N, C-alpha and C. Protein backbone atom coordinates (compact mmCIF):
# COMPACT_ATOMS: atom_id res chain seq x y z
N MET A 1 -6.69 25.49 -22.32
CA MET A 1 -7.47 24.36 -22.32
C MET A 1 -6.72 23.14 -22.73
N GLN A 2 -5.19 22.75 -23.49
CA GLN A 2 -4.54 21.83 -23.63
C GLN A 2 -3.86 21.65 -22.39
N ILE A 3 -3.05 22.20 -21.86
CA ILE A 3 -2.34 21.85 -20.40
C ILE A 3 -3.10 20.81 -19.75
N LYS A 4 -4.37 21.38 -19.72
CA LYS A 4 -5.63 21.09 -18.39
C LYS A 4 -5.83 19.53 -18.92
N LYS A 5 -5.92 19.41 -20.53
CA LYS A 5 -6.15 18.11 -20.90
C LYS A 5 -4.84 17.38 -20.85
N THR A 6 -3.73 17.85 -21.08
CA THR A 6 -2.66 16.49 -21.07
C THR A 6 -1.76 16.59 -19.49
N ILE A 7 -2.50 17.47 -18.43
CA ILE A 7 -2.48 16.84 -17.21
C ILE A 7 -3.58 15.74 -16.61
N TYR A 8 -4.42 15.98 -17.52
CA TYR A 8 -5.75 14.91 -17.22
C TYR A 8 -5.33 13.49 -17.64
N ILE A 9 -4.77 13.62 -18.96
CA ILE A 9 -4.15 12.32 -19.43
C ILE A 9 -3.26 11.31 -18.82
N LEU A 10 -2.33 12.45 -18.37
CA LEU A 10 -1.33 12.16 -17.40
C LEU A 10 -1.93 11.54 -16.21
N LEU A 11 -2.53 11.94 -15.64
CA LEU A 11 -2.77 11.75 -14.10
C LEU A 11 -3.66 10.46 -14.07
N THR A 12 -4.27 10.59 -15.63
CA THR A 12 -5.61 9.07 -15.49
C THR A 12 -4.47 7.66 -15.92
N MET A 13 -3.11 8.22 -16.80
CA MET A 13 -2.13 7.19 -17.28
C MET A 13 -1.53 6.55 -15.37
N LEU A 14 -1.49 7.69 -14.90
CA LEU A 14 -1.10 7.26 -13.06
C LEU A 14 -1.78 6.47 -12.55
N LEU A 15 -3.41 6.57 -12.87
CA LEU A 15 -4.03 5.78 -11.57
C LEU A 15 -3.83 4.33 -12.74
N GLY A 16 -3.93 4.56 -14.03
CA GLY A 16 -3.80 2.79 -14.72
C GLY A 16 -2.53 2.40 -14.41
N LEU A 17 -1.50 2.97 -13.89
CA LEU A 17 -0.44 2.29 -13.51
C LEU A 17 0.07 2.28 -12.27
N LEU A 18 -1.01 2.91 -11.12
CA LEU A 18 -1.14 2.35 -10.09
C LEU A 18 -1.98 1.22 -10.09
N LEU A 19 -3.10 0.73 -10.30
CA LEU A 19 -4.30 0.01 -10.60
C LEU A 19 -3.37 -1.55 -11.36
N ALA A 20 -2.61 -1.52 -12.67
CA ALA A 20 -1.53 -2.49 -12.91
C ALA A 20 -0.59 -2.90 -11.98
N GLU A 21 -0.23 -2.36 -10.73
CA GLU A 21 0.88 -2.69 -10.06
C GLU A 21 0.07 -3.37 -8.92
N ILE A 22 -1.36 -2.70 -8.65
CA ILE A 22 -1.81 -3.65 -7.49
C ILE A 22 -2.52 -5.17 -7.98
N GLY A 23 -2.73 -5.02 -9.25
CA GLY A 23 -2.99 -6.40 -9.87
C GLY A 23 -1.72 -7.09 -10.15
N HIS A 24 -0.89 -6.49 -10.42
CA HIS A 24 0.68 -7.38 -10.52
C HIS A 24 0.76 -7.87 -9.47
N TRP A 25 0.66 -7.15 -7.70
CA TRP A 25 1.01 -7.99 -6.69
C TRP A 25 0.08 -9.13 -6.51
N LEU A 26 -1.16 -8.82 -6.75
CA LEU A 26 -2.21 -9.82 -6.64
C LEU A 26 -1.85 -11.27 -7.55
N ILE A 27 -1.27 -10.99 -8.66
CA ILE A 27 -0.67 -12.41 -9.58
C ILE A 27 0.43 -12.56 -9.32
N GLU A 28 1.28 -12.04 -8.55
CA GLU A 28 2.47 -12.55 -8.23
C GLU A 28 1.93 -13.28 -6.54
N ILE A 29 1.40 -12.91 -6.01
CA ILE A 29 1.04 -13.53 -4.92
C ILE A 29 -0.08 -14.98 -4.98
N TRP A 30 -0.66 -15.23 -6.31
CA TRP A 30 -1.17 -16.05 -6.97
C TRP A 30 -0.25 -16.84 -7.27
N TRP A 31 1.09 -16.30 -7.88
CA TRP A 31 1.38 -17.44 -8.61
C TRP A 31 2.51 -18.08 -7.92
N VAL A 32 2.96 -17.55 -6.47
CA VAL A 32 4.23 -17.92 -5.76
C VAL A 32 3.34 -19.20 -5.32
N LYS A 33 2.05 -18.76 -4.76
CA LYS A 33 1.15 -19.92 -3.66
C LYS A 33 1.06 -21.14 -4.87
N GLN A 34 0.71 -20.95 -6.04
CA GLN A 34 0.82 -22.08 -6.80
C GLN A 34 1.78 -23.04 -7.39
N LEU A 35 2.63 -21.88 -7.26
CA LEU A 35 4.18 -22.27 -7.46
C LEU A 35 4.74 -23.86 -5.96
N ILE A 36 4.15 -23.07 -4.98
CA ILE A 36 4.78 -23.37 -4.11
C ILE A 36 3.70 -24.66 -3.69
N LEU A 37 2.69 -24.74 -3.70
CA LEU A 37 1.66 -25.76 -3.76
C LEU A 37 1.90 -26.82 -4.66
N SER A 38 2.53 -26.60 -5.72
CA SER A 38 2.68 -27.94 -6.77
C SER A 38 4.20 -28.27 -5.91
N GLY A 39 4.80 -27.79 -5.76
CA GLY A 39 6.20 -28.51 -5.13
C GLY A 39 7.32 -27.95 -5.82
N PHE A 40 7.39 -26.47 -6.58
CA PHE A 40 8.28 -25.94 -7.63
C PHE A 40 8.91 -24.81 -6.55
N ILE A 41 10.24 -24.16 -6.96
CA ILE A 41 10.49 -23.23 -6.23
C ILE A 41 10.76 -22.13 -7.01
N PRO A 42 9.89 -21.05 -6.43
CA PRO A 42 9.75 -19.85 -7.54
C PRO A 42 11.47 -19.32 -7.82
N ARG A 43 11.15 -19.05 -9.34
CA ARG A 43 12.66 -18.19 -9.78
C ARG A 43 12.31 -16.83 -9.58
N GLU A 44 13.23 -16.18 -9.11
CA GLU A 44 13.41 -14.46 -9.13
C GLU A 44 13.67 -13.79 -10.31
N TYR A 45 13.31 -12.98 -10.95
CA TYR A 45 13.50 -12.25 -11.88
C TYR A 45 13.88 -11.35 -11.68
N VAL A 46 14.90 -10.26 -12.12
CA VAL A 46 15.39 -9.02 -12.09
C VAL A 46 15.11 -8.15 -13.60
N PHE A 47 13.82 -7.34 -13.26
CA PHE A 47 13.30 -6.53 -14.31
C PHE A 47 13.22 -4.88 -13.85
N LEU A 48 14.28 -4.11 -14.87
CA LEU A 48 13.80 -2.77 -14.59
C LEU A 48 14.19 -2.47 -13.26
N SER A 49 15.42 -3.07 -12.57
CA SER A 49 15.94 -2.71 -11.10
C SER A 49 15.32 -3.43 -9.89
N THR A 50 13.91 -4.33 -10.28
CA THR A 50 13.16 -4.78 -8.99
C THR A 50 12.75 -6.18 -9.14
N HIS A 51 13.30 -6.92 -8.25
CA HIS A 51 13.45 -8.62 -8.19
C HIS A 51 11.89 -8.77 -7.88
N CYS A 52 11.19 -10.22 -8.81
CA CYS A 52 9.95 -10.17 -9.06
C CYS A 52 9.95 -11.87 -9.16
N PHE A 53 8.89 -12.62 -9.00
CA PHE A 53 8.68 -13.94 -9.27
C PHE A 53 8.09 -13.99 -10.76
N LEU A 54 7.50 -13.03 -11.08
CA LEU A 54 6.91 -13.37 -12.65
C LEU A 54 7.99 -12.86 -13.76
N PRO A 55 7.35 -13.79 -14.69
CA PRO A 55 8.64 -13.37 -15.90
C PRO A 55 8.47 -12.08 -16.38
N PRO A 56 9.55 -11.53 -17.20
CA PRO A 56 10.07 -10.03 -17.46
C PRO A 56 8.66 -9.58 -18.63
N TYR A 57 8.04 -10.75 -19.55
CA TYR A 57 7.54 -10.48 -20.68
C TYR A 57 6.24 -9.95 -19.87
N LEU A 58 5.51 -10.43 -18.76
CA LEU A 58 4.28 -10.58 -18.15
C LEU A 58 4.65 -9.19 -16.78
N GLN A 59 5.64 -8.99 -16.64
CA GLN A 59 5.70 -7.55 -15.91
C GLN A 59 5.72 -6.47 -17.04
N LEU A 60 6.41 -6.54 -18.18
CA LEU A 60 6.03 -5.45 -19.30
C LEU A 60 4.58 -5.59 -19.73
N GLY A 61 4.26 -6.71 -19.76
CA GLY A 61 2.77 -6.51 -20.56
C GLY A 61 1.74 -5.85 -19.28
N LEU A 62 1.93 -5.83 -18.08
CA LEU A 62 1.21 -5.44 -17.39
C LEU A 62 1.54 -4.03 -16.68
N LEU A 63 2.79 -3.38 -17.29
CA LEU A 63 3.00 -1.78 -17.42
C LEU A 63 2.49 -1.30 -18.34
N ALA A 64 2.58 -2.19 -19.30
CA ALA A 64 2.25 -1.31 -20.72
C ALA A 64 0.60 -1.36 -20.60
N LEU A 65 -0.25 -2.59 -20.10
CA LEU A 65 -1.54 -1.98 -20.05
C LEU A 65 -2.15 -1.00 -19.31
N GLY A 66 -1.36 -1.11 -18.45
CA GLY A 66 -1.67 -0.08 -17.05
C GLY A 66 -1.63 1.37 -17.99
N LEU A 67 -0.71 1.73 -18.53
CA LEU A 67 -0.40 2.68 -19.07
C LEU A 67 -1.61 3.18 -20.31
N ILE A 68 -1.57 1.77 -21.36
CA ILE A 68 -2.18 2.31 -22.37
C ILE A 68 -3.98 2.45 -22.20
N GLY A 69 -4.49 1.65 -20.61
CA GLY A 69 -5.44 1.46 -20.08
C GLY A 69 -5.50 2.91 -19.74
N GLY A 70 -4.58 3.52 -19.24
CA GLY A 70 -5.06 4.66 -18.43
C GLY A 70 -5.08 6.16 -19.32
N TYR A 71 -4.40 5.76 -20.90
CA TYR A 71 -4.74 6.98 -21.40
C TYR A 71 -5.34 6.95 -22.06
N PHE A 72 -6.35 5.67 -22.98
CA PHE A 72 -7.66 5.41 -23.50
C PHE A 72 -8.64 5.70 -22.38
N LEU A 73 -8.41 5.72 -20.87
CA LEU A 73 -9.80 6.08 -20.16
C LEU A 73 -9.60 7.77 -19.77
N GLY A 74 -8.52 7.69 -19.78
CA GLY A 74 -8.25 9.25 -19.87
C GLY A 74 -8.77 10.31 -21.13
N GLN A 75 -8.59 9.76 -22.03
CA GLN A 75 -9.57 10.42 -23.31
C GLN A 75 -11.16 10.11 -23.01
N THR A 76 -11.47 8.97 -22.96
CA THR A 76 -12.56 8.56 -22.69
C THR A 76 -13.86 9.94 -21.33
N TRP A 77 -12.62 9.75 -20.51
CA TRP A 77 -13.42 10.56 -19.47
C TRP A 77 -13.56 12.46 -19.47
N TRP A 78 -12.37 12.46 -20.58
CA TRP A 78 -12.33 13.81 -21.16
C TRP A 78 -13.48 13.99 -21.89
N ARG A 79 -13.69 13.05 -23.09
CA ARG A 79 -14.75 13.42 -23.90
C ARG A 79 -15.80 13.43 -22.92
N ILE A 80 -16.29 12.81 -22.21
CA ILE A 80 -17.54 12.66 -21.18
C ILE A 80 -17.58 13.76 -20.35
N VAL A 81 -16.56 14.49 -19.52
CA VAL A 81 -17.08 15.43 -18.84
C VAL A 81 -16.55 16.82 -19.67
N TYR A 82 -15.89 16.82 -20.38
CA TYR A 82 -15.58 18.34 -20.71
C TYR A 82 -16.40 18.87 -22.07
N VAL A 83 -16.10 17.47 -23.08
CA VAL A 83 -16.82 17.78 -24.04
C VAL A 83 -18.21 17.95 -24.08
N GLU A 84 -18.90 16.59 -23.69
CA GLU A 84 -20.30 16.24 -23.76
C GLU A 84 -21.11 16.61 -22.47
N HIS A 85 -20.28 17.45 -21.89
CA HIS A 85 -20.85 17.46 -20.20
C HIS A 85 -21.76 16.78 -19.50
N ARG A 86 -21.48 15.58 -19.45
CA ARG A 86 -22.32 14.28 -19.11
C ARG A 86 -21.66 14.25 -17.71
N HIS A 87 -21.85 14.79 -16.81
CA HIS A 87 -21.14 14.51 -15.46
C HIS A 87 -22.16 14.79 -14.20
N TRP A 88 -21.66 14.56 -12.82
CA TRP A 88 -22.84 14.59 -11.67
C TRP A 88 -22.81 16.33 -11.61
N LYS A 89 -24.20 16.39 -11.18
CA LYS A 89 -24.22 17.85 -10.85
C LYS A 89 -24.78 17.87 -9.51
N ARG A 90 -24.87 18.62 -8.98
CA ARG A 90 -25.35 19.16 -7.96
C ARG A 90 -26.92 19.88 -8.28
N ARG A 91 -27.69 18.58 -7.29
CA ARG A 91 -28.77 18.78 -7.43
C ARG A 91 -29.35 19.77 -5.87
N LYS A 92 -29.94 21.13 -6.14
CA LYS A 92 -30.57 21.83 -5.02
C LYS A 92 -32.02 21.65 -4.97
């Protein structure tokens, strides 16, 4: 059962990471539009071998937020589904 829980938590951390990446894209698009509308030229940063217009501390914060949020989401879902057995059941 421990391996199942570990895989479950890792997959929800991956989900959190993917959602954080989508949020990163949306924030970056908004940020670049605002800079261009204000008359500034966006500065490009290189962080973790990627080119981005967001500052590195914000990129790292979004990455950490996705992983930590995914971990706690996985722990919560595990408790709800496998410990408390509060999940959708088929109704016949």
